[in-house]
Amino acid sequence: MLAFAVPAAVTLAAAPASAAPASAARPTCTTFTENAGALLPSAANHNIDCGLRRGDRGDGVKQLQRTLVDCYKADIAKDGFFGAGTEQALRSAQAKANTKADGIYGPKTRRAINHPFAGDSPCGRVS
């Protein structure tokens, strides 16, 4: 009976050792907000230091798609689903902005690419 107790203790001790991935700390952009006149994907609390990647859905994705269509003339649907077309359009925008073209939207991409501004202003970069 002692042989069964030892493996269970080992299993329980091993469980807390796993760590969450670093990307878990960055919230997903679930909506959008106006920041310094630019319309940017954001987390629900207006946090613009959020991220988007393939498979994500929602208003944050829809704003990124608006950015890619309005500022980079991407031929993609503004449907709120981050699929292959959105990923490729983002890679193209990232390459034009001379930043890592990985198809993932985060703070570095936000600062590198152009975004639409409220009103009739042209697209431009924000910090």
N, C-alpha and C. Protein backbone atom coordinates (compact mmCIF):
# COMPACT_ATOMS: atom_id res chain seq x y z
N MET A 1 0.82 -1.19 0.00
CA MET A 1 0.00 0.00 0.00
C MET A 1 0.87 1.25 0.00
N LEU A 2 2.01 1.20 0.59
CA LEU A 2 2.91 2.33 0.61
C LEU A 2 3.38 2.70 -0.80
N ALA A 3 3.51 1.72 -1.67
CA ALA A 3 3.96 1.98 -3.04
C ALA A 3 2.99 2.87 -3.79
N PHE A 4 1.70 2.81 -3.47
CA PHE A 4 0.72 3.64 -4.16
C PHE A 4 0.73 5.07 -3.66
N ALA A 5 1.06 5.30 -2.42
CA ALA A 5 1.07 6.65 -1.86
C ALA A 5 2.22 7.47 -2.40
N VAL A 6 3.35 6.88 -2.65
CA VAL A 6 4.52 7.63 -3.12
C VAL A 6 4.30 8.22 -4.51
N PRO A 7 3.81 7.43 -5.50
CA PRO A 7 3.59 8.05 -6.81
C PRO A 7 2.57 9.18 -6.78
N ALA A 8 1.53 9.07 -5.97
CA ALA A 8 0.55 10.14 -5.89
C ALA A 8 1.18 11.41 -5.35
N ALA A 9 2.05 11.29 -4.34
CA ALA A 9 2.72 12.46 -3.80
C ALA A 9 3.64 13.08 -4.83
N VAL A 10 4.31 12.26 -5.61
CA VAL A 10 5.19 12.76 -6.67
C VAL A 10 4.39 13.50 -7.72
N THR A 11 3.25 12.96 -8.11
CA THR A 11 2.40 13.60 -9.11
C THR A 11 1.89 14.95 -8.61
N LEU A 12 1.46 15.00 -7.37
CA LEU A 12 0.97 16.26 -6.81
C LEU A 12 2.09 17.28 -6.70
N ALA A 13 3.27 16.86 -6.37
CA ALA A 13 4.38 17.79 -6.23
C ALA A 13 4.80 18.34 -7.59
N ALA A 14 4.64 17.57 -8.63
CA ALA A 14 5.07 18.00 -9.96
C ALA A 14 4.10 19.00 -10.58
N ALA A 15 2.83 18.96 -10.22
CA ALA A 15 1.83 19.81 -10.86
C ALA A 15 2.10 21.30 -10.71
N PRO A 16 2.43 21.84 -9.51
CA PRO A 16 2.64 23.27 -9.39
C PRO A 16 3.88 23.78 -10.11
N ALA A 17 4.78 22.90 -10.54
CA ALA A 17 6.01 23.34 -11.17
C ALA A 17 5.80 23.92 -12.56
N SER A 18 4.68 23.60 -13.21
CA SER A 18 4.46 24.13 -14.56
C SER A 18 4.09 25.62 -14.48
N ALA A 19 4.60 26.36 -15.41
CA ALA A 19 4.37 27.81 -15.43
C ALA A 19 3.50 28.18 -16.61
N ALA A 20 2.74 29.24 -16.48
CA ALA A 20 1.92 29.74 -17.58
C ALA A 20 2.82 30.40 -18.61
N PRO A 21 2.45 30.33 -19.89
CA PRO A 21 3.26 30.97 -20.92
C PRO A 21 3.30 32.49 -20.74
N ALA A 22 4.36 33.11 -21.19
CA ALA A 22 4.53 34.56 -21.05
C ALA A 22 3.41 35.32 -21.74
N SER A 23 2.89 34.80 -22.84
CA SER A 23 1.83 35.50 -23.57
C SER A 23 0.53 35.57 -22.78
N ALA A 24 0.38 34.74 -21.76
CA ALA A 24 -0.84 34.75 -20.96
C ALA A 24 -1.00 36.07 -20.21
N ALA A 25 0.06 36.79 -19.98
CA ALA A 25 0.00 38.05 -19.24
C ALA A 25 -0.64 39.17 -20.06
N ARG A 26 -0.56 39.11 -21.37
CA ARG A 26 -1.11 40.16 -22.22
C ARG A 26 -2.57 39.84 -22.53
N PRO A 27 -3.49 40.77 -22.24
CA PRO A 27 -4.90 40.50 -22.53
C PRO A 27 -5.17 40.50 -24.03
N THR A 28 -6.24 39.84 -24.41
CA THR A 28 -6.69 39.85 -25.80
C THR A 28 -7.45 41.14 -26.06
N CYS A 29 -7.28 41.70 -27.24
CA CYS A 29 -8.01 42.91 -27.64
C CYS A 29 -9.44 42.49 -27.97
N THR A 30 -10.38 42.79 -27.10
CA THR A 30 -11.76 42.37 -27.28
C THR A 30 -12.66 43.47 -27.81
N THR A 31 -12.16 44.70 -27.84
CA THR A 31 -12.95 45.84 -28.29
C THR A 31 -12.00 46.84 -28.95
N PHE A 32 -12.41 48.09 -29.05
CA PHE A 32 -11.52 49.12 -29.57
C PHE A 32 -11.76 50.41 -28.82
N THR A 33 -10.81 51.31 -28.92
CA THR A 33 -10.91 52.58 -28.22
C THR A 33 -10.24 53.65 -29.06
N GLU A 34 -10.56 54.90 -28.76
CA GLU A 34 -9.88 56.03 -29.39
C GLU A 34 -8.75 56.45 -28.46
N ASN A 35 -7.56 56.53 -29.02
CA ASN A 35 -6.38 56.91 -28.24
C ASN A 35 -5.60 57.92 -29.05
N ALA A 36 -5.49 59.12 -28.54
CA ALA A 36 -4.80 60.22 -29.25
C ALA A 36 -5.37 60.41 -30.65
N GLY A 37 -6.68 60.19 -30.79
CA GLY A 37 -7.35 60.38 -32.08
C GLY A 37 -7.38 59.14 -32.95
N ALA A 38 -6.54 58.15 -32.65
CA ALA A 38 -6.49 56.93 -33.45
C ALA A 38 -7.47 55.89 -32.90
N LEU A 39 -8.05 55.12 -33.80
CA LEU A 39 -8.94 54.04 -33.41
C LEU A 39 -8.12 52.76 -33.34
N LEU A 40 -7.98 52.23 -32.12
CA LEU A 40 -7.09 51.10 -31.87
C LEU A 40 -7.81 49.92 -31.22
N PRO A 41 -7.41 48.69 -31.57
CA PRO A 41 -7.91 47.55 -30.80
C PRO A 41 -7.49 47.72 -29.34
N SER A 42 -8.35 47.28 -28.42
CA SER A 42 -8.02 47.40 -27.00
C SER A 42 -8.70 46.30 -26.21
N ALA A 43 -8.25 46.14 -24.99
CA ALA A 43 -8.93 45.26 -24.05
C ALA A 43 -10.14 46.02 -23.50
N ALA A 44 -10.99 45.34 -22.78
CA ALA A 44 -12.23 45.94 -22.29
C ALA A 44 -12.00 47.17 -21.43
N ASN A 45 -10.85 47.26 -20.76
CA ASN A 45 -10.56 48.40 -19.89
C ASN A 45 -9.79 49.51 -20.61
N HIS A 46 -9.88 49.56 -21.94
CA HIS A 46 -9.20 50.54 -22.80
C HIS A 46 -7.68 50.34 -22.81
N ASN A 47 -7.22 49.17 -22.42
CA ASN A 47 -5.79 48.85 -22.43
C ASN A 47 -5.39 48.54 -23.87
N ILE A 48 -4.56 49.41 -24.46
CA ILE A 48 -4.14 49.18 -25.84
C ILE A 48 -2.93 48.26 -25.94
N ASP A 49 -2.36 47.85 -24.80
CA ASP A 49 -1.26 46.89 -24.79
C ASP A 49 -1.83 45.47 -24.75
N CYS A 50 -2.63 45.17 -25.74
CA CYS A 50 -3.29 43.87 -25.84
C CYS A 50 -2.82 43.17 -27.10
N GLY A 51 -3.26 41.97 -27.29
CA GLY A 51 -2.80 41.21 -28.44
C GLY A 51 -3.91 40.52 -29.19
N LEU A 52 -3.62 40.22 -30.45
CA LEU A 52 -4.52 39.48 -31.32
C LEU A 52 -3.71 38.50 -32.15
N ARG A 53 -4.30 37.35 -32.40
CA ARG A 53 -3.65 36.35 -33.25
C ARG A 53 -4.72 35.52 -33.94
N ARG A 54 -4.28 34.71 -34.88
CA ARG A 54 -5.18 33.86 -35.63
C ARG A 54 -6.06 33.04 -34.70
N GLY A 55 -7.36 33.04 -35.01
CA GLY A 55 -8.34 32.32 -34.19
C GLY A 55 -9.14 33.23 -33.28
N ASP A 56 -8.63 34.45 -33.01
CA ASP A 56 -9.35 35.38 -32.16
C ASP A 56 -10.58 35.92 -32.89
N ARG A 57 -11.56 36.37 -32.11
CA ARG A 57 -12.81 36.92 -32.65
C ARG A 57 -13.21 38.15 -31.85
N GLY A 58 -14.01 39.00 -32.47
CA GLY A 58 -14.61 40.10 -31.73
C GLY A 58 -14.33 41.46 -32.33
N ASP A 59 -14.74 42.48 -31.57
CA ASP A 59 -14.62 43.86 -32.04
C ASP A 59 -13.17 44.33 -32.14
N GLY A 60 -12.28 43.78 -31.33
CA GLY A 60 -10.86 44.12 -31.45
C GLY A 60 -10.31 43.67 -32.80
N VAL A 61 -10.68 42.47 -33.21
CA VAL A 61 -10.28 41.96 -34.53
C VAL A 61 -10.89 42.81 -35.62
N LYS A 62 -12.16 43.17 -35.45
CA LYS A 62 -12.84 43.99 -36.45
C LYS A 62 -12.13 45.33 -36.64
N GLN A 63 -11.66 45.94 -35.54
CA GLN A 63 -10.93 47.20 -35.66
C GLN A 63 -9.59 46.98 -36.36
N LEU A 64 -8.90 45.91 -36.05
CA LEU A 64 -7.65 45.61 -36.75
C LEU A 64 -7.92 45.44 -38.24
N GLN A 65 -9.00 44.76 -38.59
CA GLN A 65 -9.35 44.58 -40.00
C GLN A 65 -9.66 45.92 -40.66
N ARG A 66 -10.34 46.82 -39.96
CA ARG A 66 -10.58 48.16 -40.49
C ARG A 66 -9.25 48.87 -40.76
N THR A 67 -8.33 48.73 -39.82
CA THR A 67 -6.99 49.33 -39.99
C THR A 67 -6.33 48.79 -41.24
N LEU A 68 -6.36 47.48 -41.42
CA LEU A 68 -5.69 46.86 -42.57
C LEU A 68 -6.35 47.23 -43.89
N VAL A 69 -7.67 47.35 -43.89
CA VAL A 69 -8.41 47.75 -45.10
C VAL A 69 -8.21 49.23 -45.39
N ASP A 70 -8.42 50.07 -44.38
CA ASP A 70 -8.37 51.52 -44.59
C ASP A 70 -6.96 52.06 -44.81
N CYS A 71 -5.99 51.51 -44.11
CA CYS A 71 -4.63 52.06 -44.17
C CYS A 71 -3.70 51.28 -45.10
N TYR A 72 -4.02 50.02 -45.39
CA TYR A 72 -3.13 49.20 -46.20
C TYR A 72 -3.84 48.59 -47.41
N LYS A 73 -5.10 48.98 -47.62
CA LYS A 73 -5.88 48.51 -48.78
C LYS A 73 -5.96 46.99 -48.87
N ALA A 74 -5.98 46.33 -47.71
CA ALA A 74 -6.11 44.87 -47.68
C ALA A 74 -7.48 44.46 -48.20
N ASP A 75 -7.53 43.38 -48.94
CA ASP A 75 -8.78 42.86 -49.48
C ASP A 75 -9.27 41.73 -48.57
N ILE A 76 -9.77 42.13 -47.40
CA ILE A 76 -10.25 41.16 -46.41
C ILE A 76 -11.61 41.61 -45.89
N ALA A 77 -12.36 40.66 -45.36
CA ALA A 77 -13.65 40.97 -44.74
C ALA A 77 -13.42 41.60 -43.37
N LYS A 78 -14.28 42.53 -43.02
CA LYS A 78 -14.25 43.12 -41.67
C LYS A 78 -15.33 42.41 -40.85
N ASP A 79 -15.08 41.11 -40.60
CA ASP A 79 -16.08 40.25 -39.98
C ASP A 79 -15.79 39.91 -38.52
N GLY A 80 -14.67 40.38 -37.98
CA GLY A 80 -14.35 40.12 -36.59
C GLY A 80 -13.74 38.76 -36.33
N PHE A 81 -13.36 38.02 -37.39
CA PHE A 81 -12.69 36.73 -37.23
C PHE A 81 -11.27 36.84 -37.78
N PHE A 82 -10.29 36.55 -36.95
CA PHE A 82 -8.87 36.62 -37.33
C PHE A 82 -8.50 35.29 -37.97
N GLY A 83 -8.70 35.24 -39.28
CA GLY A 83 -8.38 34.04 -40.05
C GLY A 83 -7.12 34.22 -40.88
N ALA A 84 -6.95 33.34 -41.84
CA ALA A 84 -5.75 33.35 -42.69
C ALA A 84 -5.60 34.65 -43.46
N GLY A 85 -6.70 35.21 -43.97
CA GLY A 85 -6.63 36.46 -44.72
C GLY A 85 -6.17 37.63 -43.86
N THR A 86 -6.70 37.72 -42.66
CA THR A 86 -6.29 38.78 -41.73
C THR A 86 -4.83 38.60 -41.34
N GLU A 87 -4.43 37.37 -41.09
CA GLU A 87 -3.04 37.12 -40.73
C GLU A 87 -2.10 37.54 -41.85
N GLN A 88 -2.42 37.18 -43.08
CA GLN A 88 -1.57 37.55 -44.21
C GLN A 88 -1.55 39.06 -44.42
N ALA A 89 -2.70 39.72 -44.29
CA ALA A 89 -2.76 41.17 -44.42
C ALA A 89 -1.93 41.86 -43.34
N LEU A 90 -1.97 41.32 -42.12
CA LEU A 90 -1.17 41.88 -41.03
C LEU A 90 0.31 41.67 -41.30
N ARG A 91 0.70 40.49 -41.78
CA ARG A 91 2.11 40.25 -42.12
C ARG A 91 2.59 41.26 -43.16
N SER A 92 1.76 41.54 -44.14
CA SER A 92 2.11 42.51 -45.18
C SER A 92 2.29 43.91 -44.58
N ALA A 93 1.36 44.31 -43.70
CA ALA A 93 1.46 45.63 -43.05
C ALA A 93 2.71 45.69 -42.17
N GLN A 94 2.99 44.62 -41.46
CA GLN A 94 4.19 44.58 -40.61
C GLN A 94 5.45 44.70 -41.46
N ALA A 95 5.50 44.02 -42.59
CA ALA A 95 6.67 44.09 -43.46
C ALA A 95 6.85 45.51 -43.99
N LYS A 96 5.75 46.16 -44.39
CA LYS A 96 5.82 47.55 -44.88
C LYS A 96 6.30 48.50 -43.78
N ALA A 97 6.01 48.15 -42.54
CA ALA A 97 6.40 48.99 -41.40
C ALA A 97 7.77 48.62 -40.85
N ASN A 98 8.45 47.69 -41.51
CA ASN A 98 9.79 47.25 -41.09
C ASN A 98 9.82 46.73 -39.66
N THR A 99 8.81 45.93 -39.32
CA THR A 99 8.79 45.26 -38.03
C THR A 99 8.62 43.77 -38.28
N LYS A 100 8.79 42.96 -37.26
CA LYS A 100 8.72 41.51 -37.40
C LYS A 100 7.37 41.11 -38.00
N ALA A 101 7.41 40.48 -39.16
CA ALA A 101 6.19 40.09 -39.88
C ALA A 101 5.75 38.70 -39.45
N ASP A 102 5.23 38.60 -38.23
CA ASP A 102 4.83 37.30 -37.68
C ASP A 102 3.32 37.08 -37.70
N GLY A 103 2.56 38.08 -38.14
CA GLY A 103 1.11 37.93 -38.19
C GLY A 103 0.43 37.99 -36.85
N ILE A 104 1.13 38.48 -35.84
CA ILE A 104 0.57 38.63 -34.49
C ILE A 104 0.55 40.11 -34.14
N TYR A 105 -0.61 40.59 -33.68
CA TYR A 105 -0.76 41.99 -33.30
C TYR A 105 -0.49 42.14 -31.81
N GLY A 106 0.41 43.05 -31.47
CA GLY A 106 0.73 43.36 -30.08
C GLY A 106 1.28 44.77 -30.02
N PRO A 107 1.83 45.18 -28.87
CA PRO A 107 2.31 46.55 -28.71
C PRO A 107 3.35 46.99 -29.74
N LYS A 108 4.29 46.12 -30.12
CA LYS A 108 5.30 46.51 -31.11
C LYS A 108 4.66 46.77 -32.47
N THR A 109 3.74 45.91 -32.86
CA THR A 109 3.04 46.11 -34.13
C THR A 109 2.17 47.37 -34.05
N ARG A 110 1.48 47.57 -32.92
CA ARG A 110 0.64 48.77 -32.77
C ARG A 110 1.45 50.04 -33.01
N ARG A 111 2.67 50.08 -32.47
CA ARG A 111 3.51 51.27 -32.63
C ARG A 111 4.09 51.38 -34.04
N ALA A 112 4.25 50.26 -34.74
CA ALA A 112 4.92 50.27 -36.04
C ALA A 112 3.99 50.56 -37.22
N ILE A 113 2.74 50.08 -37.16
CA ILE A 113 1.86 50.23 -38.31
C ILE A 113 1.02 51.50 -38.22
N ASN A 114 0.44 51.87 -39.33
CA ASN A 114 -0.48 53.02 -39.38
C ASN A 114 -1.87 52.58 -38.94
N HIS A 115 -2.59 53.51 -38.32
CA HIS A 115 -3.96 53.27 -37.87
C HIS A 115 -4.85 54.39 -38.37
N PRO A 116 -6.14 54.10 -38.55
CA PRO A 116 -7.06 55.18 -38.94
C PRO A 116 -7.34 56.10 -37.75
N PHE A 117 -7.56 57.35 -38.05
CA PHE A 117 -7.91 58.33 -37.03
C PHE A 117 -9.38 58.68 -37.16
N ALA A 118 -9.98 59.11 -36.06
CA ALA A 118 -11.38 59.53 -36.08
C ALA A 118 -11.54 60.74 -36.98
N GLY A 119 -12.67 60.84 -37.63
CA GLY A 119 -12.93 61.96 -38.53
C GLY A 119 -12.30 61.73 -39.89
N ASP A 120 -11.90 62.81 -40.54
CA ASP A 120 -11.37 62.73 -41.90
C ASP A 120 -9.85 62.68 -41.94
N SER A 121 -9.21 62.49 -40.82
CA SER A 121 -7.75 62.45 -40.78
C SER A 121 -7.24 61.21 -41.50
N PRO A 122 -6.07 61.32 -42.12
CA PRO A 122 -5.48 60.14 -42.77
C PRO A 122 -4.93 59.16 -41.72
N CYS A 123 -4.53 58.01 -42.20
CA CYS A 123 -3.93 57.01 -41.32
C CYS A 123 -2.55 57.50 -40.86
N GLY A 124 -2.14 57.08 -39.68
CA GLY A 124 -0.84 57.46 -39.16
C GLY A 124 -0.43 56.57 -38.01
N ARG A 125 0.79 56.75 -37.57
CA ARG A 125 1.34 55.96 -36.48
C ARG A 125 1.00 56.60 -35.13
N VAL A 126 0.90 55.74 -34.13
CA VAL A 126 0.67 56.19 -32.75
C VAL A 126 1.69 55.52 -31.86
N SER A 127 1.90 56.05 -30.67
CA SER A 127 2.88 55.44 -29.76
C SER A 127 2.24 54.44 -28.85
